[in-house]
C-alpha atoms as a PDB file:
ATOM      1  CA  MET A   1      84.619 147.983  56.741  1.00  0.00           C
ATOM      2  CA  ALA A   2      83.172 150.627  58.440  1.00  0.00           C
ATOM      3  CA  GLU A   3      79.988 150.695  55.831  1.00  0.00           C
ATOM      4  CA  ASN A   4      80.212 146.781  56.443  1.00  0.00           C
ATOM      5  CA  ASN A   5      79.584 146.860  60.414  1.00  0.00           C
ATOM      6  CA  GLY A   6      77.073 148.848  60.046  1.00  0.00           C
ATOM      7  CA  THR A   7      74.765 147.137  57.187  1.00  0.00           C
ATOM      8  CA  SER A   8      75.746 144.120  59.915  1.00  0.00           C
ATOM      9  CA  ASN A   9      74.299 145.572  62.149  1.00  0.00           C
ATOM     10  CA  GLY A  10      71.481 147.064  60.598  1.00  0.00           C
ATOM     11  CA  LYS A  11      70.453 143.532  59.668  1.00  0.00           C
ATOM     12  CA  ASP A  12      71.331 142.259  62.900  1.00  0.00           C
ATOM     13  CA  GLN A  13      68.898 144.788  64.964  1.00  0.00           C
ATOM     14  CA  GLU A  14      66.191 143.570  62.041  1.00  0.00           C
ATOM     15  CA  ILE A  15      66.052 140.534  63.394  1.00  0.00           C
ATOM     16  CA  GLN A  16      66.380 141.185  66.711  1.00  0.00           C
ATOM     17  CA  THR A  17      63.581 143.137  66.243  1.00  0.00           C
ATOM     18  CA  ALA A  18      61.215 140.656  64.425  1.00  0.00           C
ATOM     19  CA  LYS A  19      61.913 138.604  67.044  1.00  0.00           C
ATOM     20  CA  GLU A  20      60.592 140.598  69.566  1.00  0.00           C
ATOM     21  CA  GLU A  21      57.471 141.123  67.558  1.00  0.00           C
ATOM     22  CA  ASP A  22      56.740 137.092  66.805  1.00  0.00           C
ATOM     23  CA  ASP A  23      57.313 137.066  70.902  1.00  0.00           C
ATOM     24  CA  ILE A  24      54.786 139.985  71.263  1.00  0.00           C
ATOM     25  CA  VAL A  25      51.972 138.181  69.060  1.00  0.00           C
ATOM     26  CA  LYS A  26      52.784 134.677  70.615  1.00  0.00           C
ATOM     27  CA  GLN A  27      52.089 135.866  74.309  1.00  0.00           C
ATOM     28  CA  MET A  28      48.891 137.665  73.201  1.00  0.00           C
ATOM     29  CA  SER A  29      48.052 134.757  71.543  1.00  0.00           C
ATOM     30  CA  LYS A  30      47.444 132.722  74.120  1.00  0.00           C
ATOM     31  CA  VAL A  31      45.548 135.340  76.459  1.00  0.00           C
ATOM     32  CA  SER A  32      43.969 137.777  74.026  1.00  0.00           C
ATOM     33  CA  ILE A  33      40.609 135.143  73.704  1.00  0.00           C
ATOM     34  CA  ASN A  34      39.727 135.750  77.360  1.00  0.00           C
ATOM     35  CA  GLY A  35      39.474 139.263  77.135  1.00  0.00           C
ATOM     36  CA  PRO A  36      36.379 141.150  78.056  1.00  0.00           C
ATOM     37  CA  THR A  37      35.058 142.970  75.081  1.00  0.00           C
ATOM     38  CA  LYS A  38      33.635 146.592  75.191  1.00  0.00           C
ATOM     39  CA  LYS A  39      30.152 145.870  74.111  1.00  0.00           C
ATOM     40  CA  ASP A  40      30.209 142.878  77.260  1.00  0.00           C
ATOM     41  CA  CYS A  41      31.578 145.803  79.514  1.00  0.00           C
ATOM     42  CA  MET A  42      29.193 148.175  78.131  1.00  0.00           C
ATOM     43  CA  LYS A  43      25.943 145.933  78.725  1.00  0.00           C
ATOM     44  CA  ASP A  44      26.668 146.062  82.184  1.00  0.00           C
ATOM     45  CA  ILE A  45      27.497 149.974  82.501  1.00  0.00           C
ATOM     46  CA  GLU A  46      23.888 150.190  80.652  1.00  0.00           C
ATOM     47  CA  GLY A  47      22.315 147.838  82.841  1.00  0.00           C
ATOM     48  CA  LEU A  48      23.004 150.251  86.206  1.00  0.00           C
ATOM     49  CA  LYS A  49      22.960 153.043  84.837  1.00  0.00           C
ATOM     50  CA  ALA A  50      18.942 153.378  84.838  1.00  0.00           C
ATOM     51  CA  LYS A  51      18.831 151.938  88.344  1.00  0.00           C
ATOM     52  CA  LEU A  52      21.360 154.161  90.032  1.00  0.00           C
ATOM     53  CA  ALA A  53      19.887 157.155  88.361  1.00  0.00           C
ATOM     54  CA  LEU A  54      16.697 156.751  90.531  1.00  0.00           C
ATOM     55  CA  ALA A  55      18.081 156.311  93.794  1.00  0.00           C
ATOM     56  CA  SER A  56      21.030 158.895  92.913  1.00  0.00           C
ATOM     57  CA  HIS A  57      18.301 161.693  91.835  1.00  0.00           C
ATOM     58  CA  ASN A  58      16.048 161.418  95.046  1.00  0.00           C
ATOM     59  CA  LYS A  59      16.121 164.523  97.383  1.00  0.00           C
ATOM     60  CA  THR A  60      18.387 164.467 100.512  1.00  0.00           C
ATOM     61  CA  ASP A  61      20.418 166.839 102.763  1.00  0.00           C
ATOM     62  CA  SER A  62      22.438 164.538 103.789  1.00  0.00           C
ATOM     63  CA  ARG A  63      26.107 166.235 104.265  1.00  0.00           C
ATOM     64  CA  THR A  64      27.931 163.426 103.241  1.00  0.00           C
ATOM     65  CA  ALA A  65      28.141 162.971  99.438  1.00  0.00           C
ATOM     66  CA  ILE A  66      29.332 160.397  96.823  1.00  0.00           C
ATOM     67  CA  VAL A  67      30.489 160.486  93.504  1.00  0.00           C
ATOM     68  CA  TYR A  68      31.069 158.144  90.577  1.00  0.00           C
ATOM     69  CA  ASP A  69      31.050 157.202  87.257  1.00  0.00           C
ATOM     70  CA  LEU A  70      30.337 154.243  85.940  1.00  0.00           C
ATOM     71  CA  GLU A  71      31.884 154.821  82.038  1.00  0.00           C
ATOM     72  CA  MET A  72      35.668 154.250  84.402  1.00  0.00           C
ATOM     73  CA  ALA A  73      34.011 150.114  84.169  1.00  0.00           C
ATOM     74  CA  ALA A  74      34.971 150.699  80.531  1.00  0.00           C
ATOM     75  CA  HIS A  75      38.985 150.452  81.184  1.00  0.00           C
ATOM     76  CA  ARG A  76      39.181 146.973  81.304  1.00  0.00           C
ATOM     77  CA  ASN A  77      42.223 143.865  80.601  1.00  0.00           C
ATOM     78  CA  ILE A  78      41.703 143.038  76.662  1.00  0.00           C
ATOM     79  CA  PHE A  79      43.530 140.364  76.694  1.00  0.00           C
ATOM     80  CA  LEU A  80      43.062 138.600  80.455  1.00  0.00           C
ATOM     81  CA  ARG A  81      38.712 138.710  81.982  1.00  0.00           C
ATOM     82  CA  ASN A  82      39.906 137.242  85.476  1.00  0.00           C
ATOM     83  CA  HIS A  83      42.500 139.785  86.006  1.00  0.00           C
ATOM     84  CA  PRO A  84      41.812 141.458  89.879  1.00  0.00           C
ATOM     85  CA  GLU A  85      41.097 144.996  88.889  1.00  0.00           C
ATOM     86  CA  ARG A  86      38.753 144.743  86.271  1.00  0.00           C
ATOM     87  CA  PRO A  87      35.332 146.501  86.017  1.00  0.00           C
ATOM     88  CA  GLU A  88      33.810 144.949  88.667  1.00  0.00           C
ATOM     89  CA  ARG A  89      35.647 147.108  91.524  1.00  0.00           C
ATOM     90  CA  VAL A  90      33.255 150.121  90.733  1.00  0.00           C
ATOM     91  CA  LEU A  91      30.543 147.829  88.843  1.00  0.00           C
ATOM     92  CA  VAL A  92      29.138 145.698  92.278  1.00  0.00           C
ATOM     93  CA  PRO A  93      29.824 148.563  94.720  1.00  0.00           C
ATOM     94  CA  MET A  94      27.244 150.785  93.235  1.00  0.00           C
ATOM     95  CA  MET A  95      24.618 147.783  93.343  1.00  0.00           C
ATOM     96  CA  LEU A  96      25.140 147.404  96.400  1.00  0.00           C
ATOM     97  CA  LEU A  97      24.379 150.739  97.820  1.00  0.00           C
ATOM     98  CA  GLU A  98      21.277 151.249  95.243  1.00  0.00           C
ATOM     99  CA  GLU A  99      19.965 147.736  96.379  1.00  0.00           C
ATOM    100  CA  THR A 100      20.271 148.370 100.056  1.00  0.00           C
ATOM    101  CA  ARG A 101      19.157 151.818  99.627  1.00  0.00           C
ATOM    102  CA  LEU A 102      21.940 153.486 101.107  1.00  0.00           C
ATOM    103  CA  LEU A 103      22.962 155.611  97.709  1.00  0.00           C
ATOM    104  CA  ALA A 104      19.692 157.156  97.952  1.00  0.00           C
ATOM    105  CA  ARG A 105      20.411 158.795 101.190  1.00  0.00           C
ATOM    106  CA  LEU A 106      23.518 160.171 100.107  1.00  0.00           C
ATOM    107  CA  ARG A 107      24.139 163.037  97.945  1.00  0.00           C
ATOM    108  CA  THR A 108      25.747 162.595  94.793  1.00  0.00           C
ATOM    109  CA  VAL A 109      27.798 164.812  92.933  1.00  0.00           C
ATOM    110  CA  GLY A 110      28.614 165.074  89.508  1.00  0.00           C
ATOM    111  CA  SER A 111      31.455 163.344  87.884  1.00  0.00           C
ATOM    112  CA  ARG A 112      34.764 164.907  86.124  1.00  0.00           C
ATOM    113  CA  GLU A 113      37.854 163.950  84.156  1.00  0.00           C
ATOM    114  CA  CYS A 114      41.089 165.997  85.417  1.00  0.00           C
ATOM    115  CA  THR A 115      43.033 168.293  83.551  1.00  0.00           C
ATOM    116  CA  ARG A 116      46.189 168.280  81.919  1.00  0.00           C
ATOM    117  CA  ASP A 117      47.475 171.128  84.708  1.00  0.00           C
ATOM    118  CA  GLU A 118      46.273 168.921  87.409  1.00  0.00           C
ATOM    119  CA  ALA A 119      47.774 166.379  86.761  1.00  0.00           C
ATOM    120  CA  LEU A 120      51.447 167.726  85.763  1.00  0.00           C
ATOM    121  CA  THR A 121      51.290 169.058  90.103  1.00  0.00           C
ATOM    122  CA  VAL A 122      52.158 165.365  90.502  1.00  0.00           C
ATOM    123  CA  HIS A 123      53.380 164.146  87.447  1.00  0.00           C
ATOM    124  CA  SER A 124      55.392 164.928  84.361  1.00  0.00           C
ATOM    125  CA  GLN A 125      54.674 165.841  80.918  1.00  0.00           C
ATOM    126  CA  GLU A 126      55.917 162.512  79.387  1.00  0.00           C
ATOM    127  CA  HIS A 127      53.834 160.531  81.576  1.00  0.00           C
ATOM    128  CA  TRP A 128      50.903 162.386  80.328  1.00  0.00           C
ATOM    129  CA  ALA A 129      52.194 162.600  77.000  1.00  0.00           C
ATOM    130  CA  PHE A 130      52.181 158.506  77.057  1.00  0.00           C
ATOM    131  CA  LEU A 131      48.802 157.967  78.452  1.00  0.00           C
ATOM    132  CA  GLU A 132      47.570 160.715  74.851  1.00  0.00           C
ATOM    133  CA  MET A 133      48.480 158.093  73.095  1.00  0.00           C
ATOM    134  CA  LEU A 134      46.428 155.108  74.469  1.00  0.00           C
ATOM    135  CA  PRO A 135      42.958 155.693  72.933  1.00  0.00           C
ATOM    136  CA  GLY A 136      44.678 155.584  69.076  1.00  0.00           C
ATOM    137  CA  MET A 137      46.957 152.572  70.061  1.00  0.00           C
ATOM    138  CA  SER A 138      46.276 149.270  68.408  1.00  0.00           C
ATOM    139  CA  ASN A 139      46.346 146.119  70.752  1.00  0.00           C
ATOM    140  CA  ARG A 140      49.265 144.701  69.872  1.00  0.00           C
ATOM    141  CA  ASP A 141      51.028 148.262  70.765  1.00  0.00           C
ATOM    142  CA  LEU A 142      48.725 148.677  74.184  1.00  0.00           C
ATOM    143  CA  TYR A 143      49.853 144.459  75.079  1.00  0.00           C
ATOM    144  CA  LYS A 144      54.019 145.816  74.350  1.00  0.00           C
ATOM    145  CA  GLN A 145      53.781 149.393  76.215  1.00  0.00           C
ATOM    146  CA  GLY A 146      51.543 147.303  79.654  1.00  0.00           C
ATOM    147  CA  ALA A 147      54.544 144.489  79.255  1.00  0.00           C
ATOM    148  CA  ASP A 148      57.273 146.549  79.450  1.00  0.00           C
ATOM    149  CA  LEU A 149      55.506 148.413  82.753  1.00  0.00           C
ATOM    150  CA  ASP A 150      55.516 147.013  86.161  1.00  0.00           C
ATOM    151  CA  SER A 151      52.127 145.114  86.713  1.00  0.00           C
ATOM    152  CA  ILE A 152      50.129 147.592  84.457  1.00  0.00           C
ATOM    153  CA  TYR A 153      47.588 146.421  81.091  1.00  0.00           C
ATOM    154  CA  LEU A 154      46.011 148.941  79.346  1.00  0.00           C
ATOM    155  CA  SER A 155      43.003 149.586  77.291  1.00  0.00           C
ATOM    156  CA  ASN A 156      41.888 152.553  74.159  1.00  0.00           C
ATOM    157  CA  GLU A 157      39.640 153.636  77.297  1.00  0.00           C
ATOM    158  CA  SER A 158      42.044 153.850  79.765  1.00  0.00           C
ATOM    159  CA  PHE A 159      43.060 156.896  79.726  1.00  0.00           C
ATOM    160  CA  ARG A 160      39.660 158.830  80.277  1.00  0.00           C
ATOM    161  CA  ALA A 161      38.487 156.447  82.621  1.00  0.00           C
ATOM    162  CA  ALA A 162      42.166 157.492  84.507  1.00  0.00           C
ATOM    163  CA  LYS A 163      41.346 160.841  83.637  1.00  0.00           C
ATOM    164  CA  LEU A 164      37.768 160.124  85.623  1.00  0.00           C
ATOM    165  CA  ALA A 165      39.063 158.716  89.315  1.00  0.00           C
ATOM    166  CA  ALA A 166      40.996 162.093  89.431  1.00  0.00           C
ATOM    167  CA  GLY A 167      38.311 164.106  88.517  1.00  0.00           C
ATOM    168  CA  CYS A 168      36.141 162.543  90.558  1.00  0.00           C
ATOM    169  CA  LEU A 169      38.276 162.238  94.062  1.00  0.00           C
ATOM    170  CA  LEU A 170      39.218 166.358  93.079  1.00  0.00           C
ATOM    171  CA  ALA A 171      35.377 166.995  92.623  1.00  0.00           C
ATOM    172  CA  ILE A 172      34.917 165.415  95.980  1.00  0.00           C
ATOM    173  CA  THR A 173      37.594 166.712  98.178  1.00  0.00           C
ATOM    174  CA  GLU A 174      36.079 169.882  96.681  1.00  0.00           C
ATOM    175  CA  GLU A 175      32.541 169.511  97.850  1.00  0.00           C
ATOM    176  CA  VAL A 176      34.579 169.454 101.786  1.00  0.00           C
ATOM    177  CA  LEU A 177      36.482 171.855 101.236  1.00  0.00           C
ATOM    178  CA  THR A 178      33.902 174.281  99.982  1.00  0.00           C
ATOM    179  CA  ASP A 179      31.212 173.052 103.315  1.00  0.00           C
ATOM    180  CA  ARG A 180      28.809 171.492 101.011  1.00  0.00           C
ATOM    181  CA  ALA A 181      29.538 168.412 102.605  1.00  0.00           C
ATOM    182  CA  ILE A 182      31.840 167.712 106.027  1.00  0.00           C
ATOM    183  CA  ASN A 183      32.510 163.868 104.331  1.00  0.00           C
ATOM    184  CA  GLY A 184      31.990 161.582 100.891  1.00  0.00           C
ATOM    185  CA  VAL A 185      33.099 158.261  99.198  1.00  0.00           C
ATOM    186  CA  ALA A 186      34.475 158.629  95.790  1.00  0.00           C
ATOM    187  CA  VAL A 187      33.783 155.156  94.275  1.00  0.00           C
ATOM    188  CA  ILE A 188      36.752 155.264  91.850  1.00  0.00           C
ATOM    189  CA  ARG A 189      39.060 153.199  89.629  1.00  0.00           C
ATOM    190  CA  PRO A 190      42.174 153.094  88.419  1.00  0.00           C
ATOM    191  CA  PRO A 191      43.730 152.723  91.380  1.00  0.00           C
ATOM    192  CA  GLY A 192      45.993 155.063  92.639  1.00  0.00           C
ATOM    193  CA  HIS A 193      48.664 154.512  95.498  1.00  0.00           C
ATOM    194  CA  HIS A 194      51.588 152.819  93.079  1.00  0.00           C
ATOM    195  CA  CYS A 195      51.738 155.086  90.155  1.00  0.00           C
ATOM    196  CA  ARG A 196      54.830 157.580  90.204  1.00  0.00           C
ATOM    197  CA  ALA A 197      55.386 160.755  88.816  1.00  0.00           C
ATOM    198  CA  GLU A 198      56.989 159.536  85.742  1.00  0.00           C
ATOM    199  CA  GLN A 199      55.333 156.110  84.824  1.00  0.00           C
ATOM    200  CA  PRO A 200      51.956 154.093  85.655  1.00  0.00           C
ATOM    201  CA  MET A 201      52.908 151.149  88.038  1.00  0.00           C
ATOM    202  CA  GLY A 202      50.950 147.866  89.952  1.00  0.00           C
ATOM    203  CA  PHE A 203      47.209 148.707  88.089  1.00  0.00           C
ATOM    204  CA  CYS A 204      47.438 152.421  88.583  1.00  0.00           C
ATOM    205  CA  LEU A 205      47.708 155.512  86.107  1.00  0.00           C
ATOM    206  CA  LEU A 206      47.495 158.498  87.711  1.00  0.00           C
ATOM    207  CA  GLY A 207      48.209 159.510  91.139  1.00  0.00           C
ATOM    208  CA  ASN A 208      44.403 159.765  92.634  1.00  0.00           C
ATOM    209  CA  VAL A 209      45.196 161.001  96.058  1.00  0.00           C
ATOM    210  CA  PRO A 210      48.491 162.787  95.280  1.00  0.00           C
ATOM    211  CA  MET A 211      46.461 165.222  92.891  1.00  0.00           C
ATOM    212  CA  ALA A 212      43.946 165.180  94.966  1.00  0.00           C
ATOM    213  CA  CYS A 213      46.553 166.711  98.132  1.00  0.00           C
ATOM    214  CA  LYS A 214      48.295 169.299  95.404  1.00  0.00           C
ATOM    215  CA  PHE A 215      44.437 170.246  94.863  1.00  0.00           C
ATOM    216  CA  ALA A 216      43.750 171.538  98.288  1.00  0.00           C
ATOM    217  CA  ILE A 217      46.604 172.749  98.642  1.00  0.00           C
ATOM    218  CA  ASN A 218      47.430 174.952  95.914  1.00  0.00           C
ATOM    219  CA  CYS A 219      43.277 175.949  95.264  1.00  0.00           C
ATOM    220  CA  TYR A 220      42.311 176.251  98.987  1.00  0.00           C
ATOM    221  CA  GLY A 221      45.654 177.040 101.017  1.00  0.00           C
ATOM    222  CA  VAL A 222      45.699 173.712 103.244  1.00  0.00           C
ATOM    223  CA  GLU A 223      48.093 173.345 105.451  1.00  0.00           C
ATOM    224  CA  ARG A 224      47.805 170.027 106.764  1.00  0.00           C
ATOM    225  CA  ILE A 225      47.131 166.894 105.421  1.00  0.00           C
ATOM    226  CA  LEU A 226      47.170 163.179 106.532  1.00  0.00           C
ATOM    227  CA  VAL A 227      46.961 160.294 103.962  1.00  0.00           C
ATOM    228  CA  VAL A 228      46.118 156.796 105.568  1.00  0.00           C
ATOM    229  CA  ASP A 229      46.769 154.686 103.275  1.00  0.00           C
ATOM    230  CA  TRP A 230      45.410 151.216 104.484  1.00  0.00           C
ATOM    231  CA  ASP A 231      46.159 148.318 101.699  1.00  0.00           C
ATOM    232  CA  VAL A 232      48.322 144.866 101.410  1.00  0.00           C
ATOM    233  CA  HIS A 233      50.592 146.958  99.275  1.00  0.00           C
ATOM    234  CA  HIS A 234      52.425 149.422 100.350  1.00  0.00           C
ATOM    235  CA  GLY A 235      51.705 153.079  98.070  1.00  0.00           C
ATOM    236  CA  ASN A 236      55.088 153.413  97.402  1.00  0.00           C
ATOM    237  CA  GLY A 237      53.722 156.304  94.573  1.00  0.00           C
ATOM    238  CA  THR A 238      52.157 158.747  96.668  1.00  0.00           C
ATOM    239  CA  GLU A 239      55.424 158.337  99.025  1.00  0.00           C
ATOM    240  CA  ASP A 240      57.842 159.260  97.194  1.00  0.00           C
ATOM    241  CA  MET A 241      55.617 162.711  95.937  1.00  0.00           C
ATOM    242  CA  PHE A 242      55.467 163.631  99.353  1.00  0.00           C
ATOM    243  CA  LEU A 243      59.038 162.726 100.795  1.00  0.00           C
ATOM    244  CA  ASP A 244      59.737 165.480 101.363  1.00  0.00           C
ATOM    245  CA  ASP A 245      56.576 168.015 102.236  1.00  0.00           C
ATOM    246  CA  GLU A 246      55.929 168.123 105.174  1.00  0.00           C
ATOM    247  CA  ARG A 247      52.829 169.446 104.532  1.00  0.00           C
ATOM    248  CA  VAL A 248      51.431 165.635 103.960  1.00  0.00           C
ATOM    249  CA  LEU A 249      51.427 163.204 106.214  1.00  0.00           C
ATOM    250  CA  TYR A 250      51.769 160.136 104.873  1.00  0.00           C
ATOM    251  CA  THR A 251      50.497 156.806 106.499  1.00  0.00           C
ATOM    252  CA  SER A 252      50.590 153.320 105.445  1.00  0.00           C
ATOM    253  CA  LEU A 253      49.423 150.374 107.121  1.00  0.00           C
ATOM    254  CA  HIS A 254      50.463 147.342 104.475  1.00  0.00           C
ATOM    255  CA  ARG A 255      52.364 144.197 104.298  1.00  0.00           C
ATOM    256  CA  TYR A 256      55.906 144.233 104.350  1.00  0.00           C
ATOM    257  CA  ASP A 257      57.541 140.650 104.399  1.00  0.00           C
ATOM    258  CA  GLN A 258      61.190 141.978 105.540  1.00  0.00           C
ATOM    259  CA  GLY A 259      60.741 143.665 101.923  1.00  0.00           C
ATOM    260  CA  ASN A 260      59.445 141.212 100.189  1.00  0.00           C
ATOM    261  CA  PHE A 261      56.090 141.784  99.789  1.00  0.00           C
ATOM    262  CA  TYR A 262      54.155 144.031  96.777  1.00  0.00           C
ATOM    263  CA  PRO A 263      56.126 146.293  95.143  1.00  0.00           C
ATOM    264  CA  GLY A 264      58.955 145.868  98.193  1.00  0.00           C
ATOM    265  CA  THR A 265      59.067 149.181  99.510  1.00  0.00           C
ATOM    266  CA  GLY A 266      57.071 151.108 103.306  1.00  0.00           C
ATOM    267  CA  HIS A 267      60.300 150.430 105.966  1.00  0.00           C
ATOM    268  CA  PRO A 268      59.374 151.761 108.989  1.00  0.00           C
ATOM    269  CA  THR A 269      62.818 153.948 108.911  1.00  0.00           C
ATOM    270  CA  THR A 270      61.197 155.665 105.886  1.00  0.00           C
ATOM    271  CA  VAL A 271      60.286 158.689 107.684  1.00  0.00           C
ATOM    272  CA  GLY A 272      60.758 161.468 105.178  1.00  0.00           C
ATOM    273  CA  THR A 273      63.679 163.785 103.787  1.00  0.00           C
ATOM    274  CA  GLY A 274      64.584 167.835 104.166  1.00  0.00           C
ATOM    275  CA  SER A 275      61.614 169.162 105.452  1.00  0.00           C
ATOM    276  CA  GLY A 276      59.250 166.244 105.258  1.00  0.00           C
ATOM    277  CA  ALA A 277      61.121 164.354 107.959  1.00  0.00           C
ATOM    278  CA  GLY A 278      59.660 163.335 110.316  1.00  0.00           C
ATOM    279  CA  TYR A 279      55.808 163.391 108.031  1.00  0.00           C
ATOM    280  CA  ASN A 280      56.372 159.928 107.139  1.00  0.00           C
ATOM    281  CA  LEU A 281      55.049 156.827 108.850  1.00  0.00           C
ATOM    282  CA  ASN A 282      55.070 153.355 107.822  1.00  0.00           C
ATOM    283  CA  VAL A 283      53.949 149.955 109.461  1.00  0.00           C
ATOM    284  CA  GLY A 284      54.114 147.226 107.686  1.00  0.00           C
ATOM    285  CA  TRP A 285      53.697 143.506 109.112  1.00  0.00           C
ATOM    286  CA  ASN A 286      55.429 140.804 108.284  1.00  0.00           C
ATOM    287  CA  GLU A 287      54.695 137.152 108.308  1.00  0.00           C
END
């Protein structure tokens, strides 16, 4: 009897797995035809690179620095062209900076990728290992993995773009901490403030700002950091990583709607725990 039940359970599992695969194929067939191709993105990137190269190589004594890398535009939703987190988030700002001649007045800092060790200051090994698999995944697996997460899409280029986003922020942080600049801006994507220590969330693949905070603390001995997160959404990922850390005062201004607005966190009474009590400030607005 035990052997028969095992065989039956095995067949049931095969049927369930096949059904799930069919559902994935049906969902992909509805949306995949609308996604931008890698060729589309690379055409936009190459067209802008030449213009930016001329502006960014102008000699300037500006102590305001900027860092960017157009390769971050290769991260895109291959299943949906009009997704709000799209390549234009880095392409358009850089086009405007070039057209208004502001880029020539800034000192351009070289881009770089973050390292595994830098990422592990705020993320789990499992999180990093998952991202490492993305370049080799099929479109089907990319779709399934993204669908299993909260508000996430994935492509073969997502991992490199995420490393560039975090690495660029570390580069601009170092410029300021070494007094080569008095301030700076990082034009980066994908974003990071929803990303949790153990998994991507809310368009975010790596915790860019948390990594920069840990970089400043571990490499330059910074003892007090203020993070001002001004976004319509609460930065739940950044908050979670520093709730018990008195070295980082996390401040978020966001839409709250009594906890009904994504991601549902950011209550004013969340003020930190342990030694971090009093170092977490949420200003959440309700309609």
